Amino acid sequence: MTPLGEPNPLPPLGGLLDAPYDMGFPYGQVRTMMPYLMQDGYGRSADMTAVDTVVLENSRLRATFLPGWGGRLWSLVDKETESELLHVPDVLQLANLALRNAWFAGGVEWNIGTRGHSPTTCSRMFAARVGEDRLRMWEWERLRGVVFSVDAWLPEDSAALFVGVRIHNPSAQDTPMYWWSNAAVPETADLRVIAPAKRAYRTSYEGSLSEVDVTEAVQRPARSPDAADYFYLAQEPWIAVVDASGRGLKQVSTPELKGRKQFCWGNSTGGKRWQQWLGGGPYCEIQAGLACTQYEHVRLRAGDTIRWVEAYGPAGIEPDLDVAAFDAALELEPGELFSLGSGWGVLEDPPTSGVSFPESALGVEQQPWLELLRSGTFPDGEPNSYVHGAEWERRLAAAPQNWATHYHRGVIAHADGRTEQARRHYEQSLELRRTAWALRGLGLLDGDAELLAEALAEAPHVWQLAVEAVDARAGTDALALLDSLRPEVAAHGRLRLARVRAALEAGRREEAAALLKAGIEVPDLREGEISLDRLWARACPGEPVPAHYDFRMHGG
């Protein structure tokens, strides 16, 4: 696997990279991923790595979970046929497909919060034994302020693995809620996706959206010319994939999961390139969610809980989804602890049964906020974590003011779209101490390239800040700033790519072409991003785009 690396130290204030179309569902949309930090410190070198797993096994199935990686169901083996039901790559290769950037293909992923791969997908979750034979994984989800838990159990001789999910909103306010369970399966030429639907919404990476019939062509992901999503207008809560012999995977749930979806990469050059980039062979996904599409959120009322049961197994399963048994088990407290999650739930201390947030989970990220809670003061050290919400803002306002309190109040206001309030706090912070952090915040607010360059001068080792500062300039100005960077910072793929862009803007096409032909690799290239092929077309007109630069999700 590729190491995750250190998180991006800069709070994500620039907005989200989104799809080029709008389904018209504004409820629940978010401005940024605050208070999470982005996970973009990985590279492209994979090493053999020991990864903690929890295994559930009976006479018919063996299920392997990764509590350190979002609780992912990594493998589900049908022991009777000795076959793997899920897509399990040989390499766990991180890539920029998630809400916080880092993501990897394979298994069954639990997505919560808002549209996209979950902010917890590459983070450690709490995991413990419940009773004799049940696995429970849980965490405090910071974007929505909810507690969620995933129970898994495998009854004796059962052909189905059962998964029960509970989401609890301990707040006094309603919150938008999103959930999709995504199962990756190997894509073969004869693979067929089956769902109880005659119509589906189709979205594609060329920006189109349409309602289509579920035809033979839709059911065969290996035949799709381009990457596409199909949101089925399903009449029953199940979906399956089968090969020509009828073998495959089925996912079924209680009615709370209304949505069913197929995702396929398609046969474009870019779709194939993305699957190579992710370190495995061809695959597609079948998914299940709380709403009909992934552009919608449901409302989770204040103090309420939503829960459901899913089952996974060979395509022929007809499992008994015993919700009453799941409800009873939810009252059981965790026993033997296998894994510690984050310490944020300790600070929030939400009232809920069946899970706990032990103080042993507290880390350096929580320490300044723990001090604010306990003593009413906030330390003026370098920021290493962030919070959001009115309650934390109130606590910061009540604390003795220093550069750090003003800075964090500015960040909260900035992320919330209160620009004038954010500007005032950044300026007050800078009056007390000149820091890269407040300079950067003010530079982003005003689109001020000089302020971003000044921020970089205060923190020249932060490559992400260098990217922002260079992107704010053009042509020879950008080249001059690139020339001033530390060699280890300038060597990052993002900044080498920025040099190509700047050289083209400065009229130095031959220099840009030489850089591209020498080879540039950007570890955190974004899904749907087409900067490489566009730059190639400008720098090398008339020459075909090399396959390793072609990540276009349609055509070609």
Protein backbone atom coordinates (compact mmCIF):
# COMPACT_ATOMS: atom_id res chain seq x y z
CA MET A 1 0.00 0.00 0.00
CA THR A 2 1.00 3.64 -0.31
CA PRO A 3 1.53 5.45 3.02
CA LEU A 4 -1.11 8.07 3.79
CA GLY A 5 1.47 10.69 4.80
CA GLU A 6 0.84 13.82 6.83
CA PRO A 7 -2.40 15.77 6.45
CA ASN A 8 -2.47 19.11 4.67
CA PRO A 9 -1.93 21.73 7.43
CA LEU A 10 -4.06 24.34 5.62
CA PRO A 11 -7.79 24.48 6.46
CA PRO A 12 -9.86 23.72 3.32
CA LEU A 13 -11.38 27.13 2.55
CA GLY A 14 -11.36 27.12 -1.25
CA GLY A 15 -14.55 25.16 -1.86
CA LEU A 16 -15.15 21.71 -3.34
CA LEU A 17 -14.31 20.46 -6.82
CA ASP A 18 -17.70 19.29 -8.05
CA ALA A 19 -19.28 17.65 -11.07
CA PRO A 20 -20.15 19.96 -14.00
CA TYR A 21 -23.90 19.62 -13.59
CA ASP A 22 -26.54 20.41 -11.00
CA MET A 23 -29.42 18.10 -10.14
CA GLY A 24 -31.29 20.96 -8.43
CA PHE A 25 -31.17 19.65 -4.83
CA PRO A 26 -29.64 22.51 -2.78
CA TYR A 27 -30.55 21.08 0.63
CA GLY A 28 -27.49 19.74 2.42
CA GLN A 29 -24.83 21.08 0.08
CA VAL A 30 -21.64 22.14 1.88
CA ARG A 31 -19.21 24.96 1.16
CA THR A 32 -16.04 23.22 2.33
CA MET A 33 -14.87 20.13 4.21
CA MET A 34 -14.20 22.10 7.38
CA PRO A 35 -13.37 21.11 10.07
CA TYR A 36 -11.53 18.20 8.43
CA LEU A 37 -8.04 18.61 7.03
CA MET A 38 -7.27 17.29 3.57
CA GLN A 39 -5.32 14.04 3.19
CA ASP A 40 -2.95 14.75 0.28
CA GLY A 41 0.43 13.74 1.70
CA TYR A 42 0.69 10.40 -0.13
CA GLY A 43 2.80 9.48 -3.14
CA ARG A 44 2.93 6.75 -5.75
CA SER A 45 5.35 4.31 -4.09
CA ALA A 46 3.77 1.22 -2.57
CA ASP A 47 5.37 -0.90 0.16
CA MET A 48 4.43 -4.17 1.81
CA THR A 49 2.63 -3.06 4.96
CA ALA A 50 1.03 -4.81 7.93
CA VAL A 51 -2.62 -3.74 8.25
CA ASP A 52 -4.86 -4.62 11.19
CA THR A 53 -7.93 -6.63 10.21
CA VAL A 54 -10.99 -8.06 11.94
CA VAL A 55 -12.37 -11.28 10.47
CA LEU A 56 -15.84 -12.78 10.76
CA GLU A 57 -16.10 -16.35 9.51
CA ASN A 58 -18.53 -19.23 9.41
CA SER A 59 -18.81 -22.39 7.32
CA ARG A 60 -19.89 -20.45 4.20
CA LEU A 61 -18.36 -16.96 4.26
CA ARG A 62 -15.23 -15.16 5.42
CA ALA A 63 -15.47 -11.36 5.81
CA THR A 64 -12.42 -9.18 6.42
CA PHE A 65 -12.72 -5.62 7.73
CA LEU A 66 -10.14 -2.80 7.94
CA PRO A 67 -10.95 -0.71 11.03
CA GLY A 68 -7.92 1.53 10.37
CA TRP A 69 -9.25 2.45 6.92
CA GLY A 70 -12.79 3.67 7.47
CA GLY A 71 -14.00 0.24 8.58
CA ARG A 72 -13.94 -0.93 4.95
CA LEU A 73 -15.28 -4.44 4.29
CA TRP A 74 -12.18 -5.40 2.32
CA SER A 75 -12.93 -9.00 1.35
CA LEU A 76 -15.92 -11.33 1.27
CA VAL A 77 -15.05 -14.89 0.30
CA ASP A 78 -17.66 -17.48 -0.68
CA LYS A 79 -16.04 -20.57 0.85
CA GLU A 80 -18.32 -23.00 -0.99
CA THR A 81 -17.04 -21.86 -4.40
CA GLU A 82 -13.66 -20.55 -3.10
CA SER A 83 -14.37 -17.24 -4.84
CA GLU A 84 -13.87 -13.62 -3.84
CA LEU A 85 -17.14 -11.69 -4.19
CA LEU A 86 -15.55 -8.23 -4.04
CA HIS A 87 -12.88 -6.35 -5.98
CA VAL A 88 -9.71 -6.67 -3.88
CA PRO A 89 -6.69 -5.04 -5.56
CA ASP A 90 -3.18 -6.31 -4.87
CA VAL A 91 -2.14 -2.72 -4.13
CA LEU A 92 -3.96 -0.34 -1.83
CA GLN A 93 -3.14 2.74 -3.94
CA LEU A 94 -4.30 6.09 -2.64
CA ALA A 95 -5.68 8.61 -5.13
CA ASN A 96 -7.63 11.88 -5.10
CA LEU A 97 -11.23 10.70 -5.33
CA ALA A 98 -12.59 11.39 -1.83
CA LEU A 99 -14.00 14.43 -0.07
CA ARG A 100 -10.69 14.79 1.79
CA ASN A 101 -8.65 13.71 -1.26
CA ALA A 102 -7.20 10.29 -0.31
CA TRP A 103 -9.22 7.25 -1.38
CA PHE A 104 -8.59 3.68 -2.53
CA ALA A 105 -10.54 1.20 -4.60
CA GLY A 106 -11.92 -2.12 -3.42
CA GLY A 107 -14.28 -3.76 -0.96
CA VAL A 108 -17.40 -2.14 0.50
CA GLU A 109 -17.08 1.47 1.65
CA TRP A 110 -19.38 3.29 4.11
CA ASN A 111 -20.01 6.87 2.95
CA ILE A 112 -21.54 9.43 5.29
CA GLY A 113 -21.85 13.21 5.41
CA THR A 114 -22.31 14.64 1.94
CA ARG A 115 -21.97 13.60 -1.67
CA GLY A 116 -18.65 11.89 -2.31
CA HIS A 117 -16.38 9.33 -0.73
CA SER A 118 -16.61 9.76 3.02
CA PRO A 119 -14.35 12.04 5.10
CA THR A 120 -13.71 8.97 7.28
CA THR A 121 -12.75 6.60 4.44
CA CYS A 122 -9.00 6.80 5.13
CA SER A 123 -9.25 7.29 8.89
CA ARG A 124 -9.16 4.90 11.80
CA MET A 125 -12.48 3.98 13.39
CA PHE A 126 -13.25 2.61 16.83
CA ALA A 127 -13.82 -1.12 16.65
CA ALA A 128 -14.83 -3.60 19.34
CA ARG A 129 -16.40 -6.95 19.98
CA VAL A 130 -20.05 -6.78 21.01
CA GLY A 131 -21.42 -9.90 22.65
CA GLU A 132 -19.82 -13.10 21.40
CA ASP A 133 -19.79 -12.73 17.65
CA ARG A 134 -20.57 -9.15 16.59
CA LEU A 135 -18.18 -6.48 15.34
CA ARG A 136 -19.05 -2.85 15.99
CA MET A 137 -17.20 0.09 14.39
CA TRP A 138 -18.10 3.69 15.15
CA GLU A 139 -16.96 7.30 14.98
CA TRP A 140 -18.00 10.92 15.51
CA GLU A 141 -18.66 12.41 12.06
CA ARG A 142 -17.49 16.02 12.32
CA LEU A 143 -19.10 17.56 9.23
CA ARG A 144 -22.67 16.83 10.36
CA GLY A 145 -22.05 16.38 14.09
CA VAL A 146 -23.48 12.86 14.36
CA VAL A 147 -22.48 9.51 15.82
CA PHE A 148 -22.56 6.63 13.38
CA SER A 149 -21.90 2.96 13.94
CA VAL A 150 -21.59 -0.09 11.71
CA ASP A 151 -22.36 -3.49 13.21
CA ALA A 152 -21.43 -6.67 11.34
CA TRP A 153 -22.40 -10.23 12.19
CA LEU A 154 -22.30 -13.60 10.48
CA PRO A 155 -24.68 -16.21 11.95
CA GLU A 156 -23.69 -19.85 11.93
CA ASP A 157 -24.19 -21.43 8.48
CA SER A 158 -25.55 -18.16 7.07
CA ALA A 159 -24.93 -17.47 3.38
CA ALA A 160 -25.29 -13.73 4.06
CA LEU A 161 -23.14 -11.25 5.98
CA PHE A 162 -25.34 -8.82 7.89
CA VAL A 163 -24.46 -5.16 8.42
CA GLY A 164 -26.50 -2.84 10.62
CA VAL A 165 -25.97 0.92 10.49
CA ARG A 166 -27.14 3.50 13.00
CA ILE A 167 -26.79 7.30 12.71
CA HIS A 168 -27.71 9.41 15.74
CA ASN A 169 -28.09 13.19 15.77
CA PRO A 170 -27.46 14.34 19.36
CA SER A 171 -27.87 18.01 18.42
CA ALA A 172 -30.79 20.31 19.17
CA GLN A 173 -30.92 21.14 15.43
CA ASP A 174 -31.91 19.08 12.41
CA THR A 175 -29.05 18.12 10.10
CA PRO A 176 -28.85 17.02 6.46
CA MET A 177 -27.84 13.39 6.16
CA TYR A 178 -26.26 11.33 3.40
CA TRP A 179 -25.32 7.65 3.27
CA TRP A 180 -24.24 5.32 0.48
CA SER A 181 -22.76 1.83 0.86
CA ASN A 182 -20.48 1.24 -2.16
CA ALA A 183 -19.50 -2.31 -3.13
CA ALA A 184 -16.75 -2.78 -5.71
CA VAL A 185 -16.85 -5.98 -7.78
CA PRO A 186 -14.51 -7.34 -10.49
CA GLU A 187 -15.73 -6.36 -13.94
CA THR A 188 -15.75 -9.18 -16.49
CA ALA A 189 -16.97 -9.21 -20.08
CA ASP A 190 -20.11 -11.18 -19.19
CA LEU A 191 -20.95 -9.32 -15.95
CA ARG A 192 -24.54 -8.13 -15.63
CA VAL A 193 -26.03 -5.68 -13.10
CA ILE A 194 -29.56 -6.57 -12.02
CA ALA A 195 -31.91 -4.27 -10.10
CA PRO A 196 -35.72 -4.17 -9.75
CA ALA A 197 -36.08 -1.10 -11.98
CA LYS A 198 -37.11 -0.29 -15.54
CA ARG A 199 -35.85 3.30 -15.54
CA ALA A 200 -32.75 5.06 -14.19
CA TYR A 201 -31.16 8.49 -14.02
CA ARG A 202 -27.88 8.49 -15.95
CA THR A 203 -25.07 10.94 -15.29
CA SER A 204 -21.78 11.03 -17.12
CA TYR A 205 -18.49 12.86 -16.89
CA GLU A 206 -19.19 14.92 -19.99
CA GLY A 207 -21.79 16.82 -17.97
CA SER A 208 -25.05 15.29 -19.20
CA LEU A 209 -27.99 14.08 -17.15
CA SER A 210 -30.93 12.09 -18.45
CA GLU A 211 -33.57 9.52 -17.56
CA VAL A 212 -33.08 6.29 -19.51
CA ASP A 213 -34.55 2.82 -19.89
CA VAL A 214 -32.68 0.03 -18.12
CA THR A 215 -31.71 -1.86 -21.27
CA GLU A 216 -29.29 -4.68 -21.90
CA ALA A 217 -26.61 -2.06 -22.63
CA VAL A 218 -27.15 -0.45 -19.22
CA GLN A 219 -26.94 -3.81 -17.48
CA ARG A 220 -23.54 -4.63 -19.01
CA PRO A 221 -20.91 -2.30 -17.49
CA ALA A 222 -18.08 -3.81 -19.56
CA ARG A 223 -19.81 -2.54 -22.72
CA SER A 224 -20.20 1.07 -21.59
CA PRO A 225 -18.22 3.42 -23.87
CA ASP A 226 -17.71 6.01 -21.11
CA ALA A 227 -17.74 6.31 -17.35
CA ALA A 228 -21.31 6.62 -16.07
CA ASP A 229 -23.58 6.50 -13.02
CA TYR A 230 -26.99 4.85 -13.16
CA PHE A 231 -29.36 5.70 -10.31
CA TYR A 232 -32.09 3.10 -10.56
CA LEU A 233 -35.71 3.98 -9.91
CA ALA A 234 -35.88 0.77 -7.92
CA GLN A 235 -39.14 -0.68 -6.62
CA GLU A 236 -37.48 -3.00 -4.09
CA PRO A 237 -34.32 -2.49 -1.96
CA TRP A 238 -31.77 -4.78 -3.61
CA ILE A 239 -29.17 -4.90 -6.39
CA ALA A 240 -26.91 -7.68 -7.69
CA VAL A 241 -24.15 -8.48 -10.16
CA VAL A 242 -23.90 -11.88 -11.82
CA ASP A 243 -21.74 -13.52 -14.45
CA ALA A 244 -22.89 -15.86 -17.21
CA SER A 245 -23.12 -18.75 -14.75
CA GLY A 246 -25.33 -16.76 -12.36
CA ARG A 247 -22.64 -16.31 -9.73
CA GLY A 248 -21.90 -12.95 -8.18
CA LEU A 249 -22.75 -10.58 -5.34
CA LYS A 250 -26.13 -9.42 -4.04
CA GLN A 251 -26.80 -6.51 -1.70
CA VAL A 252 -30.20 -6.21 -0.05
CA SER A 253 -31.47 -3.94 2.73
CA THR A 254 -34.44 -2.84 4.76
CA PRO A 255 -36.51 -0.07 3.09
CA GLU A 256 -34.58 2.82 4.69
CA LEU A 257 -32.00 2.49 1.89
CA LYS A 258 -34.12 3.64 -1.03
CA GLY A 259 -31.45 4.28 -3.64
CA ARG A 260 -29.62 1.79 -5.84
CA LYS A 261 -26.82 2.69 -8.23
CA GLN A 262 -24.36 1.23 -10.71
CA PHE A 263 -21.05 2.94 -11.44
CA CYS A 264 -18.79 1.89 -14.30
CA TRP A 265 -15.51 3.33 -15.58
CA GLY A 266 -16.32 2.64 -19.23
CA ASN A 267 -14.00 1.87 -22.13
CA SER A 268 -12.53 5.30 -22.77
CA THR A 269 -8.76 5.70 -22.53
CA GLY A 270 -9.23 7.79 -19.39
CA GLY A 271 -11.50 5.27 -17.70
CA LYS A 272 -8.98 2.49 -18.27
CA ARG A 273 -6.15 4.77 -17.16
CA TRP A 274 -7.93 5.55 -13.90
CA GLN A 275 -8.28 1.87 -13.06
CA GLN A 276 -4.58 1.34 -13.72
CA TRP A 277 -3.82 4.41 -11.58
CA LEU A 278 -5.76 2.83 -8.71
CA GLY A 279 -3.57 -0.24 -8.77
CA GLY A 280 -5.98 -2.96 -9.87
CA GLY A 281 -7.87 -4.59 -12.69
CA PRO A 282 -11.24 -3.64 -14.14
CA TYR A 283 -14.05 -3.19 -11.66
CA CYS A 284 -17.47 -1.59 -11.29
CA GLU A 285 -19.61 -0.75 -8.27
CA ILE A 286 -23.11 -1.45 -6.99
CA GLN A 287 -24.32 0.94 -4.33
CA ALA A 288 -27.20 1.61 -1.94
CA GLY A 289 -28.19 4.91 -0.34
CA LEU A 290 -30.68 6.81 1.78
CA ALA A 291 -32.02 8.83 -1.18
CA CYS A 292 -32.74 8.01 -4.80
CA THR A 293 -29.60 9.81 -6.04
CA GLN A 294 -26.32 10.98 -4.55
CA TYR A 295 -27.30 14.62 -5.11
CA GLU A 296 -29.90 14.50 -2.35
CA HIS A 297 -29.81 14.58 1.44
CA VAL A 298 -32.49 13.43 3.86
CA ARG A 299 -33.32 15.35 7.02
CA LEU A 300 -32.24 13.82 10.34
CA ARG A 301 -34.28 15.51 13.03
CA ALA A 302 -32.78 16.83 16.27
CA GLY A 303 -32.26 14.00 18.73
CA ASP A 304 -33.41 11.37 16.24
CA THR A 305 -31.78 8.15 15.07
CA ILE A 306 -31.99 6.39 11.74
CA ARG A 307 -31.02 2.75 11.38
CA TRP A 308 -31.25 -0.06 8.88
CA VAL A 309 -29.90 -3.53 8.08
CA GLU A 310 -28.05 -4.63 4.95
CA ALA A 311 -26.95 -8.08 3.79
CA TYR A 312 -24.18 -9.14 1.41
CA GLY A 313 -23.59 -12.56 -0.06
CA PRO A 314 -23.74 -14.78 -3.16
CA ALA A 315 -26.27 -13.64 -5.75
CA GLY A 316 -28.95 -16.17 -4.75
CA ILE A 317 -29.38 -15.09 -1.12
CA GLU A 318 -32.82 -14.23 0.29
CA PRO A 319 -31.83 -13.16 3.81
CA ASP A 320 -34.11 -12.48 6.75
CA LEU A 321 -33.31 -8.88 7.74
CA ASP A 322 -34.08 -9.07 11.45
CA VAL A 323 -34.36 -5.41 12.49
CA ALA A 324 -35.68 -6.28 15.96
CA ALA A 325 -32.55 -8.32 16.72
CA PHE A 326 -30.39 -5.43 15.49
CA ASP A 327 -32.29 -2.97 17.71
CA ALA A 328 -31.74 -5.23 20.71
CA ALA A 329 -28.03 -5.57 19.97
CA LEU A 330 -27.64 -1.78 19.69
CA GLU A 331 -28.20 -1.52 23.43
CA LEU A 332 -25.21 -3.77 24.13
CA GLU A 333 -22.07 -1.94 25.18
CA PRO A 334 -18.78 -2.63 23.35
CA GLY A 335 -16.48 -5.19 24.93
CA GLU A 336 -12.96 -6.02 23.77
CA LEU A 337 -11.61 -2.96 21.93
CA PHE A 338 -9.72 -3.70 18.70
CA SER A 339 -9.10 -0.19 17.40
CA LEU A 340 -9.14 3.44 18.57
CA GLY A 341 -10.70 6.13 16.40
CA SER A 342 -10.23 9.87 16.72
CA GLY A 343 -10.54 11.87 19.92
CA TRP A 344 -13.15 14.30 18.58
CA GLY A 345 -16.04 12.33 20.04
CA VAL A 346 -14.43 12.65 23.47
CA LEU A 347 -14.66 16.45 23.21
CA GLU A 348 -18.24 16.42 21.95
CA ASP A 349 -19.36 13.75 24.49
CA PRO A 350 -22.61 12.93 22.66
CA PRO A 351 -25.32 11.13 24.66
CA THR A 352 -25.90 7.78 22.99
CA SER A 353 -25.94 4.12 23.97
CA GLY A 354 -24.00 1.27 22.45
CA VAL A 355 -20.82 3.26 21.77
CA SER A 356 -18.24 5.12 23.83
CA PHE A 357 -15.43 7.56 23.19
CA PRO A 358 -12.60 6.70 25.61
CA GLU A 359 -10.16 9.44 26.63
CA SER A 360 -7.30 7.23 25.44
CA ALA A 361 -8.30 8.31 21.91
CA LEU A 362 -7.31 11.93 22.59
CA GLY A 363 -4.30 13.07 20.55
CA VAL A 364 -2.31 16.20 19.82
CA GLU A 365 -5.03 17.48 17.47
CA GLN A 366 -7.51 17.66 20.33
CA GLN A 367 -5.19 19.14 22.99
CA PRO A 368 -5.73 22.87 22.34
CA TRP A 369 -9.50 22.37 22.18
CA LEU A 370 -9.44 20.27 25.33
CA GLU A 371 -7.64 23.14 27.08
CA LEU A 372 -10.28 25.55 25.82
CA LEU A 373 -13.02 23.29 27.20
CA ARG A 374 -11.40 22.75 30.58
CA SER A 375 -9.78 26.10 31.34
CA GLY A 376 -11.50 28.56 29.03
CA THR A 377 -8.16 29.57 27.49
CA PHE A 378 -6.74 28.74 24.09
CA PRO A 379 -2.97 28.21 23.56
CA ASP A 380 -1.21 30.39 21.00
CA GLY A 381 0.79 27.58 19.37
CA GLU A 382 0.91 26.69 15.69
CA PRO A 383 -2.47 25.37 14.46
CA ASN A 384 -2.70 21.61 13.87
CA SER A 385 -6.48 21.14 13.82
CA TYR A 386 -9.71 23.05 13.35
CA VAL A 387 -13.30 23.12 14.59
CA HIS A 388 -16.54 24.63 13.33
CA GLY A 389 -19.97 25.50 14.61
CA ALA A 390 -21.58 28.15 16.81
CA GLU A 391 -20.68 26.48 20.11
CA TRP A 392 -16.95 26.36 19.39
CA GLU A 393 -17.08 29.90 18.03
CA ARG A 394 -18.71 31.04 21.27
CA ARG A 395 -16.00 29.36 23.35
CA LEU A 396 -13.25 31.02 21.33
CA ALA A 397 -14.94 34.41 21.68
CA ALA A 398 -15.18 33.98 25.48
CA ALA A 399 -11.49 33.05 25.86
CA PRO A 400 -8.73 35.64 26.46
CA GLN A 401 -7.89 36.87 22.97
CA ASN A 402 -4.56 36.16 21.28
CA TRP A 403 -3.44 35.76 17.66
CA ALA A 404 -4.59 32.13 17.62
CA THR A 405 -8.14 32.80 18.88
CA HIS A 406 -8.61 35.54 16.29
CA TYR A 407 -7.15 33.29 13.59
CA HIS A 408 -9.47 30.38 14.38
CA ARG A 409 -12.47 32.67 14.64
CA GLY A 410 -11.50 33.99 11.21
CA VAL A 411 -11.30 30.48 9.78
CA ILE A 412 -14.75 29.53 11.14
CA ALA A 413 -16.28 32.71 9.68
CA HIS A 414 -14.43 32.21 6.38
CA ALA A 415 -15.67 28.65 5.98
CA ASP A 416 -19.19 29.85 6.79
CA GLY A 417 -19.09 32.55 4.09
CA ARG A 418 -18.99 35.51 6.51
CA THR A 419 -16.19 37.28 4.67
CA GLU A 420 -16.12 40.63 6.44
CA GLN A 421 -16.08 39.00 9.86
CA ALA A 422 -13.33 36.67 8.71
CA ARG A 423 -11.28 39.58 7.36
CA ARG A 424 -11.56 41.46 10.65
CA HIS A 425 -10.33 38.46 12.65
CA TYR A 426 -7.44 37.74 10.26
CA GLU A 427 -6.33 41.38 10.51
CA GLN A 428 -6.57 41.34 14.31
CA SER A 429 -4.55 38.13 14.37
CA LEU A 430 -1.84 39.71 12.21
CA GLU A 431 -1.70 42.75 14.48
CA LEU A 432 -0.76 40.43 17.34
CA ARG A 433 1.61 38.14 15.39
CA ARG A 434 2.55 37.85 11.75
CA THR A 435 1.85 34.24 10.69
CA ALA A 436 1.58 32.36 7.44
CA TRP A 437 -1.87 31.12 8.50
CA ALA A 438 -3.62 34.49 8.83
CA LEU A 439 -1.79 35.88 5.78
CA ARG A 440 -3.01 32.93 3.76
CA GLY A 441 -6.59 33.33 4.98
CA LEU A 442 -6.60 37.03 4.09
CA GLY A 443 -4.98 36.29 0.73
CA LEU A 444 -7.68 33.75 -0.14
CA LEU A 445 -10.44 36.15 0.89
CA ASP A 446 -9.16 38.92 -1.35
CA GLY A 447 -7.58 36.84 -4.13
CA ASP A 448 -4.37 38.67 -3.28
CA ALA A 449 -1.31 37.03 -4.87
CA GLU A 450 1.09 39.19 -2.85
CA LEU A 451 -0.41 38.15 0.48
CA LEU A 452 -0.22 34.47 -0.53
CA ALA A 453 3.45 34.94 -1.48
CA GLU A 454 4.06 36.59 1.91
CA ALA A 455 2.37 33.63 3.60
CA LEU A 456 4.64 31.26 1.67
CA ALA A 457 7.70 33.24 2.79
CA GLU A 458 6.64 32.55 6.41
CA ALA A 459 6.17 28.80 5.75
CA PRO A 460 8.37 27.92 2.75
CA HIS A 461 8.27 24.19 3.56
CA VAL A 462 4.50 23.83 2.95
CA TRP A 463 4.12 22.65 -0.64
CA GLN A 464 0.34 23.08 -0.58
CA LEU A 465 0.81 26.77 0.23
CA ALA A 466 3.30 27.03 -2.63
CA VAL A 467 0.67 25.62 -5.00
CA GLU A 468 -1.85 28.26 -3.89
CA ALA A 469 0.68 31.08 -4.17
CA VAL A 470 1.86 30.03 -7.64
CA ASP A 471 -1.69 29.42 -8.91
CA ALA A 472 -2.55 33.02 -7.96
CA ARG A 473 0.08 34.29 -10.43
CA ALA A 474 0.54 33.93 -14.17
CA GLY A 475 3.32 33.74 -16.73
CA THR A 476 6.68 35.21 -15.79
CA ASP A 477 5.45 36.18 -12.30
CA ALA A 478 4.55 32.57 -11.58
CA LEU A 479 7.87 31.35 -13.01
CA ALA A 480 9.79 33.77 -10.79
CA LEU A 481 8.00 32.47 -7.70
CA LEU A 482 8.62 28.87 -8.79
CA ASP A 483 12.33 29.64 -9.18
CA SER A 484 12.44 30.85 -5.55
CA LEU A 485 11.00 27.66 -4.05
CA ARG A 486 12.98 25.15 -2.05
CA PRO A 487 14.08 22.29 -4.35
CA GLU A 488 12.11 19.65 -2.44
CA VAL A 489 8.95 21.79 -2.71
CA ALA A 490 9.45 22.68 -6.39
CA ALA A 491 9.86 18.96 -7.18
CA HIS A 492 6.25 18.15 -6.25
CA GLY A 493 4.14 17.11 -9.22
CA ARG A 494 1.59 19.89 -8.67
CA LEU A 495 4.32 22.53 -8.88
CA ARG A 496 6.00 20.96 -11.88
CA LEU A 497 2.61 21.06 -13.57
CA ALA A 498 2.26 24.72 -12.54
CA ARG A 499 5.59 25.41 -14.24
CA VAL A 500 4.24 23.98 -17.49
CA ARG A 501 1.20 26.24 -17.28
CA ALA A 502 3.30 29.31 -16.44
CA ALA A 503 5.75 28.61 -19.27
CA LEU A 504 2.87 28.44 -21.76
CA GLU A 505 1.43 31.71 -20.43
CA ALA A 506 4.87 33.31 -20.81
CA GLY A 507 5.11 32.17 -24.44
CA ARG A 508 7.78 29.53 -23.73
CA ARG A 509 6.06 26.61 -25.43
CA GLU A 510 9.24 24.60 -26.08
CA GLU A 511 10.11 24.69 -22.38
CA ALA A 512 6.61 23.49 -21.49
CA ALA A 513 6.80 20.69 -24.05
CA ALA A 514 10.18 19.56 -22.73
CA LEU A 515 8.84 19.38 -19.17
CA LEU A 516 5.86 17.28 -20.23
CA LYS A 517 7.91 14.95 -22.38
CA ALA A 518 10.37 14.43 -19.53
CA GLY A 519 7.45 13.13 -17.47
CA ILE A 520 5.30 14.66 -14.71
CA GLU A 521 3.42 12.59 -12.16
CA VAL A 522 0.86 14.24 -9.87
CA PRO A 523 0.01 11.81 -7.05
CA ASP A 524 -3.22 13.59 -6.12
CA LEU A 525 -4.63 14.10 -9.60
CA ARG A 526 -8.38 14.65 -9.21
CA GLU A 527 -11.10 12.42 -10.68
CA GLY A 528 -12.43 14.14 -13.77
CA GLU A 529 -9.47 16.54 -13.88
CA ILE A 530 -8.22 17.04 -17.43
CA SER A 531 -5.37 19.50 -16.91
CA LEU A 532 -2.71 17.14 -18.22
CA ASP A 533 -4.22 16.47 -21.62
CA ARG A 534 -5.15 20.14 -22.11
CA LEU A 535 -1.63 21.28 -21.30
CA TRP A 536 -0.24 18.65 -23.66
CA ALA A 537 -2.45 19.90 -26.49
CA ARG A 538 -1.18 23.46 -25.95
CA ALA A 539 2.48 22.52 -25.54
CA CYS A 540 2.63 19.82 -28.19
CA PRO A 541 0.01 20.74 -30.83
CA GLY A 542 -0.72 18.01 -33.32
CA GLU A 543 0.88 15.27 -31.20
CA PRO A 544 -1.43 12.62 -29.70
CA VAL A 545 -1.88 12.75 -25.92
CA PRO A 546 0.20 9.97 -24.33
CA ALA A 547 -1.94 7.37 -22.57
CA HIS A 548 -0.30 8.09 -19.21
CA TYR A 549 -1.54 11.71 -19.44
CA ASP A 550 -5.07 10.86 -20.57
CA PHE A 551 -7.47 10.79 -17.64
CA ARG A 552 -10.49 12.00 -19.62
CA MET A 553 -13.61 10.25 -18.42
CA HIS A 554 -15.39 10.23 -21.78
CA GLY A 555 -14.36 9.82 -25.41
CA GLY A 556 -10.97 8.78 -26.76
